[in-house]
PDB file of N, CA and C in Angstrom:
ATOM      1  N   UNK A   1     -18.379 -33.562 -11.571  1.00  0.00           N
ATOM      2  CA  UNK A   1     -18.417 -34.666 -12.342  1.00  0.00           C
ATOM      3  C   UNK A   1     -18.329 -35.536 -10.641  1.00  0.00           C
ATOM      4  N   UNK A   2     -19.392 -36.607 -10.832  1.00  0.00           N
ATOM      5  CA  UNK A   2     -19.317 -37.210  -9.238  1.00  0.00           C
ATOM      6  C   UNK A   2     -18.165 -38.530  -9.156  1.00  0.00           C
ATOM      7  N   UNK A   3     -17.399 -38.578  -8.260  1.00  0.00           N
ATOM      8  CA  UNK A   3     -16.202 -39.648  -8.281  1.00  0.00           C
ATOM      9  C   UNK A   3     -16.743 -40.988  -8.461  1.00  0.00           C
ATOM     10  N   UNK A   4     -18.254 -41.344  -8.198  1.00  0.00           N
ATOM     11  CA  UNK A   4     -18.431 -43.019  -8.655  1.00  0.00           C
ATOM     12  C   UNK A   4     -18.650 -42.953 -10.453  1.00  0.00           C
ATOM     13  N   UNK A   5     -18.602 -41.675 -11.229  1.00  0.00           N
ATOM     14  CA  UNK A   5     -18.731 -41.662 -12.697  1.00  0.00           C
ATOM     15  C   UNK A   5     -17.205 -42.174 -12.912  1.00  0.00           C
ATOM     16  N   UNK A   6     -16.179 -41.894 -12.308  1.00  0.00           N
ATOM     17  CA  UNK A   6     -15.045 -42.224 -12.439  1.00  0.00           C
ATOM     18  C   UNK A   6     -14.237 -43.849 -12.109  1.00  0.00           C
ATOM     19  N   UNK A   7     -15.721 -44.298 -11.200  1.00  0.00           N
ATOM     20  CA  UNK A   7     -15.194 -45.453 -10.443  1.00  0.00           C
ATOM     21  C   UNK A   7     -14.756 -46.040  -9.504  1.00  0.00           C
ATOM     22  N   UNK A   8     -14.765 -45.171  -8.893  1.00  0.00           N
ATOM     23  CA  UNK A   8     -14.269 -45.031  -7.135  1.00  0.00           C
ATOM     24  C   UNK A   8     -15.457 -45.861  -6.512  1.00  0.00           C
ATOM     25  N   UNK A   9     -15.276 -46.382  -6.151  1.00  0.00           N
ATOM     26  CA  UNK A   9     -16.034 -47.478  -4.852  1.00  0.00           C
ATOM     27  C   UNK A   9     -16.563 -46.286  -3.398  1.00  0.00           C
ATOM     28  N   UNK A  10     -18.168 -45.676  -3.469  1.00  0.00           N
ATOM     29  CA  UNK A  10     -18.214 -44.919  -2.597  1.00  0.00           C
ATOM     30  C   UNK A  10     -18.091 -45.909  -0.674  1.00  0.00           C
ATOM     31  N   UNK A  11     -17.343 -46.830  -0.633  1.00  0.00           N
ATOM     32  CA  UNK A  11     -17.741 -47.492   0.669  1.00  0.00           C
ATOM     33  C   UNK A  11     -15.975 -47.371   0.877  1.00  0.00           C
ATOM     34  N   UNK A  12     -15.368 -47.085  -0.383  1.00  0.00           N
ATOM     35  CA  UNK A  12     -13.809 -47.167  -0.166  1.00  0.00           C
ATOM     36  C   UNK A  12     -13.744 -45.558   0.035  1.00  0.00           C
ATOM     37  N   UNK A  13     -14.413 -44.268  -0.335  1.00  0.00           N
ATOM     38  CA  UNK A  13     -14.542 -43.429  -0.009  1.00  0.00           C
ATOM     39  C   UNK A  13     -14.659 -42.929   1.103  1.00  0.00           C
ATOM     40  N   UNK A  14     -16.054 -43.804   1.135  1.00  0.00           N
ATOM     41  CA  UNK A  14     -16.129 -43.908   3.325  1.00  0.00           C
ATOM     42  C   UNK A  14     -15.428 -44.417   3.977  1.00  0.00           C
ATOM     43  N   UNK A  15     -14.479 -45.127   3.538  1.00  0.00           N
ATOM     44  CA  UNK A  15     -13.646 -45.470   4.575  1.00  0.00           C
ATOM     45  C   UNK A  15     -12.402 -44.810   5.114  1.00  0.00           C
ATOM     46  N   UNK A  16     -12.302 -44.374   3.320  1.00  0.00           N
ATOM     47  CA  UNK A  16     -11.137 -43.347   3.998  1.00  0.00           C
ATOM     48  C   UNK A  16     -11.515 -41.889   4.498  1.00  0.00           C
ATOM     49  N   UNK A  17     -12.807 -41.264   4.329  1.00  0.00           N
ATOM     50  CA  UNK A  17     -12.945 -40.591   4.990  1.00  0.00           C
ATOM     51  C   UNK A  17     -13.355 -41.132   6.642  1.00  0.00           C
ATOM     52  N   UNK A  18     -13.672 -42.073   7.099  1.00  0.00           N
ATOM     53  CA  UNK A  18     -13.008 -42.390   8.257  1.00  0.00           C
ATOM     54  C   UNK A  18     -12.087 -42.047   8.766  1.00  0.00           C
ATOM     55  N   UNK A  19     -11.127 -43.071   8.477  1.00  0.00           N
ATOM     56  CA  UNK A  19      -9.922 -43.047   8.939  1.00  0.00           C
ATOM     57  C   UNK A  19      -9.011 -41.664   8.893  1.00  0.00           C
ATOM     58  N   UNK A  20      -9.884 -40.175   7.750  1.00  0.00           N
ATOM     59  CA  UNK A  20      -8.571 -38.790   7.673  1.00  0.00           C
ATOM     60  C   UNK A  20      -9.763 -38.272   9.476  1.00  0.00           C
ATOM     61  N   UNK A  21     -10.550 -38.872   9.880  1.00  0.00           N
ATOM     62  CA  UNK A  21     -11.162 -38.270  11.139  1.00  0.00           C
ATOM     63  C   UNK A  21     -10.183 -38.783  12.736  1.00  0.00           C
ATOM     64  N   UNK A  22      -9.302 -39.494  12.272  1.00  0.00           N
ATOM     65  CA  UNK A  22      -7.701 -40.087  13.071  1.00  0.00           C
ATOM     66  C   UNK A  22      -6.791 -38.906  12.889  1.00  0.00           C
ATOM     67  N   UNK A  23      -6.684 -38.134  14.060  1.00  0.00           N
ATOM     68  CA  UNK A  23      -5.860 -36.679  13.660  1.00  0.00           C
ATOM     69  C   UNK A  23      -4.347 -37.270  13.432  1.00  0.00           C
ATOM     70  N   UNK A  24      -3.908 -38.120  13.872  1.00  0.00           N
ATOM     71  CA  UNK A  24      -2.372 -38.719  13.349  1.00  0.00           C
ATOM     72  C   UNK A  24      -2.465 -38.970  12.121  1.00  0.00           C
ATOM     73  N   UNK A  25      -3.118 -40.144  11.582  1.00  0.00           N
ATOM     74  CA  UNK A  25      -3.330 -39.964  10.173  1.00  0.00           C
ATOM     75  C   UNK A  25      -3.903 -38.653   9.439  1.00  0.00           C
ATOM     76  N   UNK A  26      -4.390 -38.117   9.532  1.00  0.00           N
ATOM     77  CA  UNK A  26      -4.769 -36.590   8.697  1.00  0.00           C
ATOM     78  C   UNK A  26      -3.524 -35.843   8.348  1.00  0.00           C
ATOM     79  N   UNK A  27      -2.844 -35.495  10.073  1.00  0.00           N
ATOM     80  CA  UNK A  27      -1.776 -34.769  10.007  1.00  0.00           C
ATOM     81  C   UNK A  27      -1.057 -35.379   8.965  1.00  0.00           C
ATOM     82  N   UNK A  28      -0.370 -36.373   9.036  1.00  0.00           N
ATOM     83  CA  UNK A  28       0.199 -36.891   8.174  1.00  0.00           C
ATOM     84  C   UNK A  28       0.006 -36.828   6.578  1.00  0.00           C
ATOM     85  N   UNK A  29      -1.449 -37.143   6.506  1.00  0.00           N
ATOM     86  CA  UNK A  29      -1.791 -37.183   4.851  1.00  0.00           C
ATOM     87  C   UNK A  29      -1.552 -35.573   4.625  1.00  0.00           C
ATOM     88  N   UNK A  30      -1.837 -34.868   5.304  1.00  0.00           N
ATOM     89  CA  UNK A  30      -1.657 -33.345   5.318  1.00  0.00           C
ATOM     90  C   UNK A  30      -0.125 -32.839   5.005  1.00  0.00           C
ATOM     91  N   UNK A  31       1.081 -33.486   5.180  1.00  0.00           N
ATOM     92  CA  UNK A  31       2.190 -33.249   5.328  1.00  0.00           C
ATOM     93  C   UNK A  31       2.354 -33.725   3.949  1.00  0.00           C
ATOM     94  N   UNK A  32       2.192 -34.805   3.481  1.00  0.00           N
ATOM     95  CA  UNK A  32       2.745 -35.648   2.079  1.00  0.00           C
ATOM     96  C   UNK A  32       1.894 -34.315   0.998  1.00  0.00           C
ATOM     97  N   UNK A  33       0.781 -33.645   1.639  1.00  0.00           N
ATOM     98  CA  UNK A  33       0.190 -32.783   0.500  1.00  0.00           C
ATOM     99  C   UNK A  33       0.454 -31.695   0.367  1.00  0.00           C
ATOM    100  N   UNK A  34       1.135 -31.463   1.471  1.00  0.00           N
ATOM    101  CA  UNK A  34       1.414 -30.015   1.668  1.00  0.00           C
ATOM    102  C   UNK A  34       2.640 -28.960   0.740  1.00  0.00           C
ATOM    103  N   UNK A  35       2.060 -28.326   0.196  1.00  0.00           N
ATOM    104  CA  UNK A  35       3.140 -27.385  -0.886  1.00  0.00           C
ATOM    105  C   UNK A  35       2.693 -27.782  -1.822  1.00  0.00           C
ATOM    106  N   UNK A  36       1.934 -29.327  -3.095  1.00  0.00           N
ATOM    107  CA  UNK A  36       1.903 -28.972  -3.584  1.00  0.00           C
ATOM    108  C   UNK A  36       1.234 -27.782  -4.970  1.00  0.00           C
ATOM    109  N   UNK A  37       1.060 -28.118  -5.822  1.00  0.00           N
ATOM    110  CA  UNK A  37       0.293 -26.809  -6.995  1.00  0.00           C
ATOM    111  C   UNK A  37      -0.349 -27.691  -7.848  1.00  0.00           C
ATOM    112  N   UNK A  38      -1.054 -26.867  -8.995  1.00  0.00           N
ATOM    113  CA  UNK A  38      -1.899 -27.517  -9.726  1.00  0.00           C
ATOM    114  C   UNK A  38      -1.314 -28.021 -10.998  1.00  0.00           C
ATOM    115  N   UNK A  39       0.009 -27.615 -11.282  1.00  0.00           N
ATOM    116  CA  UNK A  39       0.851 -28.593 -12.031  1.00  0.00           C
ATOM    117  C   UNK A  39       1.539 -30.493 -11.223  1.00  0.00           C
ATOM    118  N   UNK A  40       1.680 -30.425  -9.817  1.00  0.00           N
ATOM    119  CA  UNK A  40       1.763 -31.100  -9.272  1.00  0.00           C
ATOM    120  C   UNK A  40       0.674 -32.150  -9.857  1.00  0.00           C
ATOM    121  N   UNK A  41      -0.589 -31.458  -9.760  1.00  0.00           N
ATOM    122  CA  UNK A  41      -2.150 -32.458  -9.541  1.00  0.00           C
ATOM    123  C   UNK A  41      -2.824 -33.129 -10.979  1.00  0.00           C
ATOM    124  N   UNK A  42      -1.620 -32.142 -11.962  1.00  0.00           N
ATOM    125  CA  UNK A  42      -1.856 -32.811 -13.380  1.00  0.00           C
ATOM    126  C   UNK A  42      -0.797 -32.976 -13.534  1.00  0.00           C
ATOM    127  N   UNK A  43      -0.259 -33.699 -13.174  1.00  0.00           N
ATOM    128  CA  UNK A  43       1.477 -34.688 -13.236  1.00  0.00           C
ATOM    129  C   UNK A  43       1.088 -35.760 -12.765  1.00  0.00           C
ATOM    130  N   UNK A  44       0.701 -37.056 -13.961  1.00  0.00           N
ATOM    131  CA  UNK A  44       0.647 -38.519 -13.660  1.00  0.00           C
ATOM    132  C   UNK A  44       1.447 -39.260 -12.741  1.00  0.00           C
ATOM    133  N   UNK A  45       2.679 -39.113 -12.951  1.00  0.00           N
ATOM    134  CA  UNK A  45       3.909 -39.323 -12.460  1.00  0.00           C
ATOM    135  C   UNK A  45       3.895 -39.181 -11.031  1.00  0.00           C
ATOM    136  N   UNK A  46       3.726 -37.337 -10.575  1.00  0.00           N
ATOM    137  CA  UNK A  46       3.666 -37.441  -8.823  1.00  0.00           C
ATOM    138  C   UNK A  46       2.630 -37.808  -8.229  1.00  0.00           C
ATOM    139  N   UNK A  47       0.743 -37.735  -8.970  1.00  0.00           N
ATOM    140  CA  UNK A  47      -0.015 -38.300  -8.228  1.00  0.00           C
ATOM    141  C   UNK A  47       0.179 -39.911  -8.086  1.00  0.00           C
ATOM    142  N   UNK A  48       0.708 -40.848  -8.868  1.00  0.00           N
ATOM    143  CA  UNK A  48       1.025 -42.216  -8.584  1.00  0.00           C
ATOM    144  C   UNK A  48       1.637 -42.035  -7.101  1.00  0.00           C
ATOM    145  N   UNK A  49       2.980 -41.625  -7.189  1.00  0.00           N
ATOM    146  CA  UNK A  49       4.025 -41.722  -6.135  1.00  0.00           C
ATOM    147  C   UNK A  49       2.976 -41.053  -5.102  1.00  0.00           C
ATOM    148  N   UNK A  50       1.940 -39.733  -4.752  1.00  0.00           N
ATOM    149  CA  UNK A  50       1.274 -39.667  -4.081  1.00  0.00           C
ATOM    150  C   UNK A  50       0.697 -40.415  -2.988  1.00  0.00           C
ATOM    151  N   UNK A  51      -0.044 -40.863  -4.296  1.00  0.00           N
ATOM    152  CA  UNK A  51      -1.487 -41.597  -3.940  1.00  0.00           C
ATOM    153  C   UNK A  51      -1.135 -43.007  -3.002  1.00  0.00           C
ATOM    154  N   UNK A  52       0.631 -43.392  -3.393  1.00  0.00           N
ATOM    155  CA  UNK A  52       1.473 -44.629  -3.392  1.00  0.00           C
ATOM    156  C   UNK A  52       1.720 -44.174  -1.594  1.00  0.00           C
ATOM    157  N   UNK A  53       2.086 -43.059  -1.625  1.00  0.00           N
ATOM    158  CA  UNK A  53       2.417 -42.378   0.368  1.00  0.00           C
ATOM    159  C   UNK A  53       0.761 -42.638   1.053  1.00  0.00           C
ATOM    160  N   UNK A  54       0.231 -41.733   0.455  1.00  0.00           N
ATOM    161  CA  UNK A  54      -1.250 -41.878   1.129  1.00  0.00           C
ATOM    162  C   UNK A  54      -1.421 -43.205   0.943  1.00  0.00           C
ATOM    163  N   UNK A  55      -1.460 -43.764   0.430  1.00  0.00           N
ATOM    164  CA  UNK A  55      -2.138 -45.438   0.953  1.00  0.00           C
ATOM    165  C   UNK A  55      -1.604 -46.028   1.548  1.00  0.00           C
ATOM    166  N   UNK A  56      -0.119 -45.534   2.105  1.00  0.00           N
ATOM    167  CA  UNK A  56       0.617 -46.406   2.882  1.00  0.00           C
ATOM    168  C   UNK A  56       0.204 -46.385   4.070  1.00  0.00           C
ATOM    169  N   UNK A  57      -0.182 -44.596   4.449  1.00  0.00           N
ATOM    170  CA  UNK A  57       0.110 -43.957   5.306  1.00  0.00           C
ATOM    171  C   UNK A  57      -1.881 -44.505   5.713  1.00  0.00           C
ATOM    172  N   UNK A  58      -2.333 -44.931   4.875  1.00  0.00           N
ATOM    173  CA  UNK A  58      -4.231 -45.249   5.292  1.00  0.00           C
ATOM    174  C   UNK A  58      -4.161 -46.578   5.948  1.00  0.00           C
ATOM    175  N   UNK A  59      -3.117 -47.667   5.371  1.00  0.00           N
ATOM    176  CA  UNK A  59      -3.295 -48.524   5.176  1.00  0.00           C
ATOM    177  C   UNK A  59      -4.218 -48.793   4.252  1.00  0.00           C
ATOM    178  N   UNK A  60      -4.777 -48.668   3.081  1.00  0.00           N
ATOM    179  CA  UNK A  60      -5.460 -49.094   2.399  1.00  0.00           C
ATOM    180  C   UNK A  60      -4.534 -49.917   0.576  1.00  0.00           C
ATOM    181  N   UNK A  61      -4.875 -50.754   0.495  1.00  0.00           N
ATOM    182  CA  UNK A  61      -4.845 -51.562  -0.398  1.00  0.00           C
ATOM    183  C   UNK A  61      -5.663 -50.844  -1.619  1.00  0.00           C
ATOM    184  N   UNK A  62      -4.605 -50.608  -2.453  1.00  0.00           N
ATOM    185  CA  UNK A  62      -5.579 -49.602  -3.660  1.00  0.00           C
ATOM    186  C   UNK A  62      -4.808 -50.752  -5.265  1.00  0.00           C
ATOM    187  N   UNK A  63      -5.836 -51.299  -5.781  1.00  0.00           N
ATOM    188  CA  UNK A  63      -5.478 -51.820  -7.451  1.00  0.00           C
ATOM    189  C   UNK A  63      -5.375 -51.313  -7.963  1.00  0.00           C
ATOM    190  N   UNK A  64      -4.467 -51.783  -8.972  1.00  0.00           N
ATOM    191  CA  UNK A  64      -4.407 -50.713 -10.605  1.00  0.00           C
ATOM    192  C   UNK A  64      -5.095 -50.109 -11.012  1.00  0.00           C
ATOM    193  N   UNK A  65      -6.064 -50.744 -11.020  1.00  0.00           N
ATOM    194  CA  UNK A  65      -7.712 -50.185 -11.687  1.00  0.00           C
ATOM    195  C   UNK A  65      -7.806 -48.682 -10.854  1.00  0.00           C
ATOM    196  N   UNK A  66      -7.903 -49.302  -9.904  1.00  0.00           N
ATOM    197  CA  UNK A  66      -8.652 -48.358  -8.721  1.00  0.00           C
ATOM    198  C   UNK A  66      -7.581 -46.869  -9.008  1.00  0.00           C
ATOM    199  N   UNK A  67      -6.518 -47.285  -8.733  1.00  0.00           N
ATOM    200  CA  UNK A  67      -5.425 -45.935  -8.595  1.00  0.00           C
ATOM    201  C   UNK A  67      -5.323 -45.148 -10.089  1.00  0.00           C
ATOM    202  N   UNK A  68      -5.853 -45.952 -11.016  1.00  0.00           N
ATOM    203  CA  UNK A  68      -6.091 -45.787 -12.834  1.00  0.00           C
ATOM    204  C   UNK A  68      -6.635 -44.485 -12.413  1.00  0.00           C
ATOM    205  N   UNK A  69      -8.486 -45.351 -11.819  1.00  0.00           N
ATOM    206  CA  UNK A  69      -9.555 -44.355 -11.746  1.00  0.00           C
ATOM    207  C   UNK A  69      -9.341 -42.973 -10.651  1.00  0.00           C
ATOM    208  N   UNK A  70      -8.802 -43.228  -9.560  1.00  0.00           N
ATOM    209  CA  UNK A  70      -8.161 -41.644  -8.958  1.00  0.00           C
ATOM    210  C   UNK A  70      -7.806 -41.001  -9.879  1.00  0.00           C
ATOM    211  N   UNK A  71      -6.549 -41.532 -10.393  1.00  0.00           N
ATOM    212  CA  UNK A  71      -5.692 -40.510 -11.115  1.00  0.00           C
ATOM    213  C   UNK A  71      -6.760 -39.919 -12.129  1.00  0.00           C
ATOM    214  N   UNK A  72      -7.524 -40.684 -12.987  1.00  0.00           N
ATOM    215  CA  UNK A  72      -7.938 -39.841 -14.304  1.00  0.00           C
ATOM    216  C   UNK A  72      -9.046 -39.107 -13.234  1.00  0.00           C
ATOM    217  N   UNK A  73      -9.460 -39.192 -12.388  1.00  0.00           N
ATOM    218  CA  UNK A  73     -10.458 -38.315 -11.352  1.00  0.00           C
ATOM    219  C   UNK A  73      -9.577 -36.988 -11.422  1.00  0.00           C
ATOM    220  N   UNK A  74      -8.894 -37.187 -10.100  1.00  0.00           N
ATOM    221  CA  UNK A  74      -8.174 -36.199  -9.933  1.00  0.00           C
ATOM    222  C   UNK A  74      -7.820 -35.202 -10.656  1.00  0.00           C
ATOM    223  N   UNK A  75      -7.160 -35.708 -12.336  1.00  0.00           N
ATOM    224  CA  UNK A  75      -6.696 -35.116 -13.209  1.00  0.00           C
ATOM    225  C   UNK A  75      -7.952 -33.790 -13.848  1.00  0.00           C
ATOM    226  N   UNK A  76      -8.983 -34.906 -14.008  1.00  0.00           N
ATOM    227  CA  UNK A  76     -10.367 -34.397 -15.108  1.00  0.00           C
ATOM    228  C   UNK A  76     -10.633 -32.738 -14.038  1.00  0.00           C
ATOM    229  N   UNK A  77     -10.370 -33.069 -12.963  1.00  0.00           N
ATOM    230  CA  UNK A  77     -10.654 -31.771 -12.093  1.00  0.00           C
ATOM    231  C   UNK A  77     -10.409 -30.609 -12.404  1.00  0.00           C
ATOM    232  N   UNK A  78      -9.248 -31.067 -12.496  1.00  0.00           N
ATOM    233  CA  UNK A  78      -8.053 -29.709 -13.071  1.00  0.00           C
ATOM    234  C   UNK A  78      -8.376 -28.660 -11.391  1.00  0.00           C
ATOM    235  N   UNK A  79      -7.641 -29.438 -10.779  1.00  0.00           N
ATOM    236  CA  UNK A  79      -7.957 -28.640  -9.135  1.00  0.00           C
ATOM    237  C   UNK A  79      -6.792 -28.010  -8.776  1.00  0.00           C
ATOM    238  N   UNK A  80      -6.504 -26.775  -8.329  1.00  0.00           N
ATOM    239  CA  UNK A  80      -6.075 -25.851  -7.820  1.00  0.00           C
ATOM    240  C   UNK A  80      -5.824 -25.504  -6.519  1.00  0.00           C
ATOM    241  N   UNK A  81      -4.985 -26.090  -5.581  1.00  0.00           N
ATOM    242  CA  UNK A  81      -4.959 -26.182  -4.043  1.00  0.00           C
ATOM    243  C   UNK A  81      -4.727 -25.029  -3.532  1.00  0.00           C
ATOM    244  N   UNK A  82      -4.595 -23.845  -4.325  1.00  0.00           N
ATOM    245  CA  UNK A  82      -4.625 -22.826  -3.886  1.00  0.00           C
ATOM    246  C   UNK A  82      -5.696 -21.468  -4.285  1.00  0.00           C
ATOM    247  N   UNK A  83      -6.752 -22.488  -4.707  1.00  0.00           N
ATOM    248  CA  UNK A  83      -7.977 -22.048  -5.344  1.00  0.00           C
ATOM    249  C   UNK A  83      -8.630 -22.264  -4.242  1.00  0.00           C
ATOM    250  N   UNK A  84      -9.296 -21.328  -3.286  1.00  0.00           N
ATOM    251  CA  UNK A  84     -10.094 -21.649  -2.045  1.00  0.00           C
ATOM    252  C   UNK A  84     -12.113 -22.132  -3.308  1.00  0.00           C
ATOM    253  N   UNK A  85     -12.588 -21.745  -4.525  1.00  0.00           N
ATOM    254  CA  UNK A  85     -13.404 -21.921  -5.088  1.00  0.00           C
ATOM    255  C   UNK A  85     -13.162 -23.585  -4.669  1.00  0.00           C
ATOM    256  N   UNK A  86     -11.757 -23.942  -5.801  1.00  0.00           N
ATOM    257  CA  UNK A  86     -11.746 -25.338  -5.990  1.00  0.00           C
ATOM    258  C   UNK A  86     -12.125 -26.162  -5.031  1.00  0.00           C
ATOM    259  N   UNK A  87     -11.183 -25.840  -4.000  1.00  0.00           N
ATOM    260  CA  UNK A  87     -11.376 -26.634  -2.409  1.00  0.00           C
ATOM    261  C   UNK A  87     -12.665 -26.634  -1.639  1.00  0.00           C
ATOM    262  N   UNK A  88     -13.252 -25.893  -1.922  1.00  0.00           N
ATOM    263  CA  UNK A  88     -14.966 -25.817  -1.145  1.00  0.00           C
ATOM    264  C   UNK A  88     -15.768 -26.957  -2.061  1.00  0.00           C
ATOM    265  N   UNK A  89     -15.215 -26.909  -3.301  1.00  0.00           N
ATOM    266  CA  UNK A  89     -16.288 -27.490  -4.629  1.00  0.00           C
ATOM    267  C   UNK A  89     -16.010 -29.333  -4.198  1.00  0.00           C
ATOM    268  N   UNK A  90     -15.135 -29.109  -3.910  1.00  0.00           N
ATOM    269  CA  UNK A  90     -14.157 -30.876  -3.441  1.00  0.00           C
ATOM    270  C   UNK A  90     -14.467 -31.119  -2.492  1.00  0.00           C
ATOM    271  N   UNK A  91     -14.674 -30.291  -1.305  1.00  0.00           N
ATOM    272  CA  UNK A  91     -15.188 -30.997   0.051  1.00  0.00           C
ATOM    273  C   UNK A  91     -16.731 -30.830  -0.244  1.00  0.00           C
ATOM    274  N   UNK A  92     -18.026 -30.751  -1.226  1.00  0.00           N
ATOM    275  CA  UNK A  92     -18.697 -30.461  -1.682  1.00  0.00           C
ATOM    276  C   UNK A  92     -18.979 -31.760  -2.157  1.00  0.00           C
ATOM    277  N   UNK A  93     -18.299 -32.119  -2.701  1.00  0.00           N
ATOM    278  CA  UNK A  93     -18.602 -33.522  -3.180  1.00  0.00           C
ATOM    279  C   UNK A  93     -18.416 -34.728  -2.452  1.00  0.00           C
ATOM    280  N   UNK A  94     -17.771 -34.460  -1.076  1.00  0.00           N
ATOM    281  CA  UNK A  94     -17.021 -35.091  -0.309  1.00  0.00           C
ATOM    282  C   UNK A  94     -17.449 -35.469   1.124  1.00  0.00           C
ATOM    283  N   UNK A  95     -18.771 -34.792   0.878  1.00  0.00           N
ATOM    284  CA  UNK A  95     -19.479 -35.093   2.452  1.00  0.00           C
ATOM    285  C   UNK A  95     -19.764 -35.906   2.844  1.00  0.00           C
TER     286      UNK A  95
END
């Protein structure tokens, strides 16, 4: 599924991708995400906290509605961060 179907704005995604090209921001986000499991990515409360931390690191204000849309998208994808196929699929979505 395309992230836009979940109400996630393409301009927002492009802004985030641009910010992640900054090595310092990328490293800080990777540190936050390090060690996540599939179960973590299916837990709405954990994801909400992670999204808050990441948005702070990236200096992005995310509305409650956008937060809900992002959480719904991530949970629907059933991402396993230890499965290379899942990571390739995600990478393809956000190229």
